[in-house]
C-alpha atoms as a PDB file:
ATOM      1  CA  UNK A   1      -2.956 -21.027  -5.591  1.00  0.00           C
ATOM      2  CA  UNK A   2      -6.271 -18.896  -5.840  1.00  0.00           C
ATOM      3  CA  UNK A   3      -9.209 -18.301  -3.776  1.00  0.00           C
ATOM      4  CA  UNK A   4     -12.303 -16.269  -4.188  1.00  0.00           C
ATOM      5  CA  UNK A   5     -15.464 -15.112  -2.164  1.00  0.00           C
ATOM      6  CA  UNK A   6     -17.806 -12.653  -3.420  1.00  0.00           C
ATOM      7  CA  UNK A   7     -20.861 -11.427  -1.578  1.00  0.00           C
ATOM      8  CA  UNK A   8     -23.436  -8.842  -2.644  1.00  0.00           C
ATOM      9  CA  UNK A   9     -25.036  -6.710   0.702  1.00  0.00           C
ATOM     10  CA  UNK A  10     -27.800  -4.413   1.100  1.00  0.00           C
ATOM     11  CA  UNK A  11     -25.391  -1.452   2.477  1.00  0.00           C
ATOM     12  CA  UNK A  12     -23.630   1.609   0.554  1.00  0.00           C
ATOM     13  CA  UNK A  13     -19.978   1.265  -0.216  1.00  0.00           C
ATOM     14  CA  UNK A  14     -19.195   4.200   2.051  1.00  0.00           C
ATOM     15  CA  UNK A  15     -20.863   2.132   4.921  1.00  0.00           C
ATOM     16  CA  UNK A  16     -18.902  -0.805   3.947  1.00  0.00           C
ATOM     17  CA  UNK A  17     -15.620   0.675   3.320  1.00  0.00           C
ATOM     18  CA  UNK A  18     -15.851   2.459   6.983  1.00  0.00           C
ATOM     19  CA  UNK A  19     -16.953  -0.814   8.560  1.00  0.00           C
ATOM     20  CA  UNK A  20     -13.421  -2.608   7.387  1.00  0.00           C
ATOM     21  CA  UNK A  21     -11.232   0.149   8.329  1.00  0.00           C
ATOM     22  CA  UNK A  22     -12.269   0.051  12.066  1.00  0.00           C
ATOM     23  CA  UNK A  23      -9.224  -1.656  13.761  1.00  0.00           C
ATOM     24  CA  UNK A  24     -11.768  -3.865  15.945  1.00  0.00           C
ATOM     25  CA  UNK A  25     -13.372  -5.481  13.154  1.00  0.00           C
ATOM     26  CA  UNK A  26     -10.532  -8.157  12.231  1.00  0.00           C
ATOM     27  CA  UNK A  27     -11.318  -9.635  15.544  1.00  0.00           C
ATOM     28  CA  UNK A  28     -15.171  -9.475  15.232  1.00  0.00           C
ATOM     29  CA  UNK A  29     -14.610 -11.278  11.572  1.00  0.00           C
ATOM     30  CA  UNK A  30     -12.785 -14.202  13.413  1.00  0.00           C
ATOM     31  CA  UNK A  31     -14.856 -17.208  14.069  1.00  0.00           C
ATOM     32  CA  UNK A  32     -15.246 -17.817  17.880  1.00  0.00           C
ATOM     33  CA  UNK A  33     -13.791 -21.073  18.065  1.00  0.00           C
ATOM     34  CA  UNK A  34     -10.855 -20.156  15.709  1.00  0.00           C
ATOM     35  CA  UNK A  35      -7.872 -20.177  17.855  1.00  0.00           C
ATOM     36  CA  UNK A  36      -6.301 -16.764  17.129  1.00  0.00           C
ATOM     37  CA  UNK A  37      -4.314 -14.342  19.354  1.00  0.00           C
ATOM     38  CA  UNK A  38      -4.157 -11.076  18.134  1.00  0.00           C
ATOM     39  CA  UNK A  39      -0.763  -9.211  19.200  1.00  0.00           C
ATOM     40  CA  UNK A  40      -1.052  -6.081  17.241  1.00  0.00           C
ATOM     41  CA  UNK A  41      -3.912  -4.533  15.183  1.00  0.00           C
ATOM     42  CA  UNK A  42      -2.930  -1.098  13.647  1.00  0.00           C
ATOM     43  CA  UNK A  43      -5.571   1.037  12.094  1.00  0.00           C
ATOM     44  CA  UNK A  44      -6.170   0.409   8.618  1.00  0.00           C
ATOM     45  CA  UNK A  45      -3.565   2.751   6.546  1.00  0.00           C
ATOM     46  CA  UNK A  46      -0.991   2.371   3.860  1.00  0.00           C
ATOM     47  CA  UNK A  47       1.845   0.111   5.660  1.00  0.00           C
ATOM     48  CA  UNK A  48      -0.433  -1.064   8.795  1.00  0.00           C
ATOM     49  CA  UNK A  49       0.622  -3.778  10.413  1.00  0.00           C
ATOM     50  CA  UNK A  50      -1.148  -6.970  11.891  1.00  0.00           C
ATOM     51  CA  UNK A  51       0.468  -9.696  13.989  1.00  0.00           C
ATOM     52  CA  UNK A  52      -1.333 -12.750  15.345  1.00  0.00           C
ATOM     53  CA  UNK A  53      -0.567 -16.497  16.500  1.00  0.00           C
ATOM     54  CA  UNK A  54      -2.729 -18.974  14.937  1.00  0.00           C
ATOM     55  CA  UNK A  55      -2.633 -22.209  16.909  1.00  0.00           C
ATOM     56  CA  UNK A  56      -2.915 -25.248  14.811  1.00  0.00           C
ATOM     57  CA  UNK A  57      -3.603 -28.089  17.474  1.00  0.00           C
ATOM     58  CA  UNK A  58      -0.643 -27.404  19.920  1.00  0.00           C
ATOM     59  CA  UNK A  59       1.577 -25.627  17.251  1.00  0.00           C
ATOM     60  CA  UNK A  60       1.666 -21.909  17.202  1.00  0.00           C
ATOM     61  CA  UNK A  61       1.968 -20.073  13.868  1.00  0.00           C
ATOM     62  CA  UNK A  62       3.255 -16.521  13.785  1.00  0.00           C
ATOM     63  CA  UNK A  63       2.071 -14.273  11.163  1.00  0.00           C
ATOM     64  CA  UNK A  64       2.793 -10.479  10.276  1.00  0.00           C
ATOM     65  CA  UNK A  65       0.933  -8.982   7.560  1.00  0.00           C
ATOM     66  CA  UNK A  66       1.139  -5.885   6.071  1.00  0.00           C
ATOM     67  CA  UNK A  67      -1.587  -3.485   4.597  1.00  0.00           C
ATOM     68  CA  UNK A  68      -0.849  -2.128   1.089  1.00  0.00           C
ATOM     69  CA  UNK A  69      -2.899  -0.546  -1.973  1.00  0.00           C
ATOM     70  CA  UNK A  70      -5.205   1.181   0.820  1.00  0.00           C
ATOM     71  CA  UNK A  71      -8.097   3.072  -0.969  1.00  0.00           C
ATOM     72  CA  UNK A  72     -10.800   4.847   0.686  1.00  0.00           C
ATOM     73  CA  UNK A  73     -14.208   3.445  -1.012  1.00  0.00           C
ATOM     74  CA  UNK A  74     -12.563   0.626  -3.210  1.00  0.00           C
ATOM     75  CA  UNK A  75     -10.792  -1.494  -0.819  1.00  0.00           C
ATOM     76  CA  UNK A  76      -7.295  -2.642   0.429  1.00  0.00           C
ATOM     77  CA  UNK A  77      -4.626  -5.585  -0.016  1.00  0.00           C
ATOM     78  CA  UNK A  78      -2.633  -7.139   2.878  1.00  0.00           C
ATOM     79  CA  UNK A  79       0.409  -9.427   2.381  1.00  0.00           C
ATOM     80  CA  UNK A  80       2.348 -11.878   4.382  1.00  0.00           C
ATOM     81  CA  UNK A  81       5.313 -10.333   5.604  1.00  0.00           C
ATOM     82  CA  UNK A  82       6.320 -13.086   7.699  1.00  0.00           C
ATOM     83  CA  UNK A  83       4.110 -16.425   8.200  1.00  0.00           C
ATOM     84  CA  UNK A  84       3.089 -19.810   6.998  1.00  0.00           C
ATOM     85  CA  UNK A  85       3.409 -19.198   3.562  1.00  0.00           C
ATOM     86  CA  UNK A  86       5.897 -18.582   0.673  1.00  0.00           C
ATOM     87  CA  UNK A  87       3.336 -16.110  -0.603  1.00  0.00           C
ATOM     88  CA  UNK A  88       0.215 -14.691   0.463  1.00  0.00           C
ATOM     89  CA  UNK A  89      -1.801 -11.693  -0.801  1.00  0.00           C
ATOM     90  CA  UNK A  90      -5.464 -11.009   0.048  1.00  0.00           C
ATOM     91  CA  UNK A  91      -7.103  -8.293  -2.040  1.00  0.00           C
ATOM     92  CA  UNK A  92     -10.328  -7.020  -0.539  1.00  0.00           C
ATOM     93  CA  UNK A  93     -12.300  -5.010  -3.087  1.00  0.00           C
ATOM     94  CA  UNK A  94     -15.706  -3.374  -2.744  1.00  0.00           C
ATOM     95  CA  UNK A  95     -17.624  -2.383  -5.833  1.00  0.00           C
ATOM     96  CA  UNK A  96     -20.534   0.083  -5.818  1.00  0.00           C
ATOM     97  CA  UNK A  97     -23.625  -1.366  -7.426  1.00  0.00           C
ATOM     98  CA  UNK A  98     -27.138  -0.124  -7.964  1.00  0.00           C
ATOM     99  CA  UNK A  99     -29.827   0.616  -5.383  1.00  0.00           C
ATOM    100  CA  UNK A 100     -27.069   1.149  -2.390  1.00  0.00           C
ATOM    101  CA  UNK A 101     -25.703  -2.139  -2.601  1.00  0.00           C
ATOM    102  CA  UNK A 102     -22.027  -3.204  -2.336  1.00  0.00           C
ATOM    103  CA  UNK A 103     -20.002  -6.008  -3.674  1.00  0.00           C
ATOM    104  CA  UNK A 104     -17.607  -7.662  -1.221  1.00  0.00           C
ATOM    105  CA  UNK A 105     -15.081  -9.272  -3.102  1.00  0.00           C
ATOM    106  CA  UNK A 106     -12.044 -11.479  -1.479  1.00  0.00           C
ATOM    107  CA  UNK A 107      -9.290 -12.410  -3.855  1.00  0.00           C
ATOM    108  CA  UNK A 108      -6.300 -14.611  -2.194  1.00  0.00           C
ATOM    109  CA  UNK A 109      -3.175 -15.777  -4.155  1.00  0.00           C
ATOM    110  CA  UNK A 110      -0.595 -17.779  -2.059  1.00  0.00           C
ATOM    111  CA  UNK A 111       2.085 -20.262  -2.562  1.00  0.00           C
ATOM    112  CA  UNK A 112       3.012 -23.076  -0.137  1.00  0.00           C
ATOM    113  CA  UNK A 113       6.402 -23.374   1.379  1.00  0.00           C
ATOM    114  CA  UNK A 114       8.127 -26.194   0.379  1.00  0.00           C
ATOM    115  CA  UNK A 115       8.211 -29.601   2.271  1.00  0.00           C
ATOM    116  CA  UNK A 116       7.026 -30.007   5.963  1.00  0.00           C
ATOM    117  CA  UNK A 117       7.509 -26.078   6.210  1.00  0.00           C
ATOM    118  CA  UNK A 118       4.282 -25.766   4.094  1.00  0.00           C
ATOM    119  CA  UNK A 119       2.161 -28.039   6.048  1.00  0.00           C
ATOM    120  CA  UNK A 120       0.833 -25.083   8.371  1.00  0.00           C
ATOM    121  CA  UNK A 121       0.009 -22.985   5.250  1.00  0.00           C
ATOM    122  CA  UNK A 122      -1.952 -26.190   3.817  1.00  0.00           C
ATOM    123  CA  UNK A 123      -4.040 -26.510   6.866  1.00  0.00           C
ATOM    124  CA  UNK A 124      -4.767 -23.077   6.986  1.00  0.00           C
ATOM    125  CA  UNK A 125      -5.636 -22.870   2.899  1.00  0.00           C
ATOM    126  CA  UNK A 126      -8.166 -25.937   3.670  1.00  0.00           C
ATOM    127  CA  UNK A 127     -10.249 -23.889   6.105  1.00  0.00           C
ATOM    128  CA  UNK A 128     -10.469 -20.483   4.134  1.00  0.00           C
ATOM    129  CA  UNK A 129     -14.001 -21.353   2.530  1.00  0.00           C
ATOM    130  CA  UNK A 130     -15.313 -21.653   6.249  1.00  0.00           C
ATOM    131  CA  UNK A 131     -13.435 -18.780   7.422  1.00  0.00           C
ATOM    132  CA  UNK A 132     -14.980 -16.258   4.426  1.00  0.00           C
ATOM    133  CA  UNK A 133     -18.112 -17.877   4.728  1.00  0.00           C
ATOM    134  CA  UNK A 134     -18.225 -16.671   8.221  1.00  0.00           C
ATOM    135  CA  UNK A 135     -16.456 -13.470   7.605  1.00  0.00           C
ATOM    136  CA  UNK A 136     -19.111 -12.301   5.017  1.00  0.00           C
ATOM    137  CA  UNK A 137     -21.989 -13.785   6.974  1.00  0.00           C
ATOM    138  CA  UNK A 138     -20.828 -11.683  10.181  1.00  0.00           C
ATOM    139  CA  UNK A 139     -20.372  -8.554   8.063  1.00  0.00           C
ATOM    140  CA  UNK A 140     -23.831  -8.683   6.850  1.00  0.00           C
ATOM    141  CA  UNK A 141     -24.935  -9.068  10.814  1.00  0.00           C
ATOM    142  CA  UNK A 142     -22.674  -6.354  11.861  1.00  0.00           C
ATOM    143  CA  UNK A 143     -23.485  -3.783   9.455  1.00  0.00           C
ATOM    144  CA  UNK A 144     -26.978  -4.315   9.978  1.00  0.00           C
ATOM    145  CA  UNK A 145     -26.255  -3.586  13.666  1.00  0.00           C
ATOM    146  CA  UNK A 146     -24.182  -0.219  12.905  1.00  0.00           C
ATOM    147  CA  UNK A 147     -26.405   0.855   9.974  1.00  0.00           C
ATOM    148  CA  UNK A 148     -30.042  -0.228  10.909  1.00  0.00           C
ATOM    149  CA  UNK A 149     -31.602   2.177   8.654  1.00  0.00           C
ATOM    150  CA  UNK A 150     -29.765   0.324   5.415  1.00  0.00           C
ATOM    151  CA  UNK A 151     -30.801  -2.870   3.764  1.00  0.00           C
ATOM    152  CA  UNK A 152     -30.253  -6.233   5.463  1.00  0.00           C
ATOM    153  CA  UNK A 153     -30.044  -8.655   2.750  1.00  0.00           C
ATOM    154  CA  UNK A 154     -27.062 -10.519   1.665  1.00  0.00           C
ATOM    155  CA  UNK A 155     -26.269 -12.844  -1.486  1.00  0.00           C
ATOM    156  CA  UNK A 156     -23.674 -15.255  -1.416  1.00  0.00           C
ATOM    157  CA  UNK A 157     -22.040 -16.507  -4.341  1.00  0.00           C
ATOM    158  CA  UNK A 158     -18.494 -17.899  -4.843  1.00  0.00           C
ATOM    159  CA  UNK A 159     -16.347 -17.569  -7.872  1.00  0.00           C
END
């Protein structure tokens, strides 16, 4: 399965890249009512690890992701090392546009585990649209706070 969320923000690519490299940002980009507990968030570098527990009702789902393909300005990827999916690869790309704008492109490729073992992944997958709508909105708000002299608008598109 594939999922994509794309937004254009009125901030330069350097600001967008620096913003995403801050290890505190992942918690900020998690919706406030989302039942996620982060055990470990390493700074964004090749091979860095993030470990978290996502609560699906009363059932905890452990997830360990590793950052790969880390590039200073153009983005990074994360892959699931352990978690609810058979396969998970999330590619975060930043594209420099005209007039100091940046396109933020999130692409996810995933496969469910078979049978009942795949149920947690299916439930998480159903919430991706809301999660990434929130993340792109929150990114715009936080960039405006960190870089007040840059632009402020965002345009949403989902491809």
